């Protein structure tokens, strides 16, 4: 399987347009820092109370 090329267009868009980084800051970031800044280390959230109550109504115990 051929590896896909690095998505430079998406990375540059995220860095300059979404994060509004300067050129210097963008090019000094490590891949790990960029990953964290773009939500790569986001903590997954469970369902909120409303979603839990809806699931409990839909799938009641016994």
C-alpha atoms as a PDB file:
ATOM      1  CA  UNK A   1       0.000   0.000   0.000  1.00  0.00           C
ATOM      2  CA  UNK A   2       1.419   3.368  -1.024  1.00  0.00           C
ATOM      3  CA  UNK A   3       1.568   5.923   1.790  1.00  0.00           C
ATOM      4  CA  UNK A   4      -0.421   9.085   1.222  1.00  0.00           C
ATOM      5  CA  UNK A   5       1.519  12.338   0.915  1.00  0.00           C
ATOM      6  CA  UNK A   6       1.473  14.756   3.833  1.00  0.00           C
ATOM      7  CA  UNK A   7      -1.630  16.994   3.632  1.00  0.00           C
ATOM      8  CA  UNK A   8       0.238  20.303   3.398  1.00  0.00           C
ATOM      9  CA  UNK A   9      -2.773  22.221   2.107  1.00  0.00           C
ATOM     10  CA  UNK A  10      -4.873  21.224   5.131  1.00  0.00           C
ATOM     11  CA  UNK A  11      -2.025  21.863   7.580  1.00  0.00           C
ATOM     12  CA  UNK A  12      -1.319  25.318   6.165  1.00  0.00           C
ATOM     13  CA  UNK A  13      -5.035  26.164   6.176  1.00  0.00           C
ATOM     14  CA  UNK A  14      -5.352  25.083   9.820  1.00  0.00           C
ATOM     15  CA  UNK A  15      -2.221  26.945  10.884  1.00  0.00           C
ATOM     16  CA  UNK A  16      -2.722  30.224   9.077  1.00  0.00           C
ATOM     17  CA  UNK A  17      -6.501  30.514   8.637  1.00  0.00           C
ATOM     18  CA  UNK A  18      -7.967  28.743  11.651  1.00  0.00           C
ATOM     19  CA  UNK A  19      -5.251  29.180  14.277  1.00  0.00           C
ATOM     20  CA  UNK A  20      -4.060  32.480  12.767  1.00  0.00           C
ATOM     21  CA  UNK A  21      -0.412  31.666  13.461  1.00  0.00           C
ATOM     22  CA  UNK A  22       2.419  33.781  12.141  1.00  0.00           C
ATOM     23  CA  UNK A  23       4.701  32.164   9.568  1.00  0.00           C
ATOM     24  CA  UNK A  24       7.501  32.000  12.112  1.00  0.00           C
ATOM     25  CA  UNK A  25       5.342  30.295  14.730  1.00  0.00           C
ATOM     26  CA  UNK A  26       3.855  27.849  12.223  1.00  0.00           C
ATOM     27  CA  UNK A  27       7.217  26.672  10.894  1.00  0.00           C
ATOM     28  CA  UNK A  28       8.748  26.374  14.386  1.00  0.00           C
ATOM     29  CA  UNK A  29       6.019  24.031  15.658  1.00  0.00           C
ATOM     30  CA  UNK A  30       6.887  20.400  16.150  1.00  0.00           C
ATOM     31  CA  UNK A  31       4.477  17.875  14.633  1.00  0.00           C
ATOM     32  CA  UNK A  32       3.375  16.981  18.163  1.00  0.00           C
ATOM     33  CA  UNK A  33       2.618  20.631  19.008  1.00  0.00           C
ATOM     34  CA  UNK A  34       0.683  21.099  15.771  1.00  0.00           C
ATOM     35  CA  UNK A  35      -1.269  17.899  16.429  1.00  0.00           C
ATOM     36  CA  UNK A  36      -2.235  19.134  19.909  1.00  0.00           C
ATOM     37  CA  UNK A  37      -3.176  22.622  18.668  1.00  0.00           C
ATOM     38  CA  UNK A  38      -5.491  21.198  16.028  1.00  0.00           C
ATOM     39  CA  UNK A  39      -7.410  19.032  18.482  1.00  0.00           C
ATOM     40  CA  UNK A  40      -5.444  15.840  18.107  1.00  0.00           C
ATOM     41  CA  UNK A  41      -5.251  15.343  21.859  1.00  0.00           C
ATOM     42  CA  UNK A  42      -8.887  16.146  22.532  1.00  0.00           C
ATOM     43  CA  UNK A  43     -10.387  14.127  25.360  1.00  0.00           C
ATOM     44  CA  UNK A  44     -13.397  12.161  24.160  1.00  0.00           C
ATOM     45  CA  UNK A  45     -16.588  13.075  25.962  1.00  0.00           C
ATOM     46  CA  UNK A  46     -19.352  10.757  26.986  1.00  0.00           C
ATOM     47  CA  UNK A  47     -23.005  11.502  26.416  1.00  0.00           C
ATOM     48  CA  UNK A  48     -24.556  14.385  28.359  1.00  0.00           C
ATOM     49  CA  UNK A  49     -27.488  13.935  30.745  1.00  0.00           C
ATOM     50  CA  UNK A  50     -30.098  14.487  28.036  1.00  0.00           C
ATOM     51  CA  UNK A  51     -28.518  11.877  25.759  1.00  0.00           C
ATOM     52  CA  UNK A  52     -28.214   9.387  28.637  1.00  0.00           C
ATOM     53  CA  UNK A  53     -31.878   9.826  29.557  1.00  0.00           C
ATOM     54  CA  UNK A  54     -32.893   9.319  25.918  1.00  0.00           C
ATOM     55  CA  UNK A  55     -30.830   6.112  25.726  1.00  0.00           C
ATOM     56  CA  UNK A  56     -32.298   4.877  29.006  1.00  0.00           C
ATOM     57  CA  UNK A  57     -35.823   5.400  27.640  1.00  0.00           C
ATOM     58  CA  UNK A  58     -34.941   3.685  24.381  1.00  0.00           C
ATOM     59  CA  UNK A  59     -33.046   0.776  25.949  1.00  0.00           C
ATOM     60  CA  UNK A  60     -34.516   0.209  29.437  1.00  0.00           C
ATOM     61  CA  UNK A  61     -32.944  -2.360  31.752  1.00  0.00           C
ATOM     62  CA  UNK A  62     -34.855  -5.628  32.099  1.00  0.00           C
END
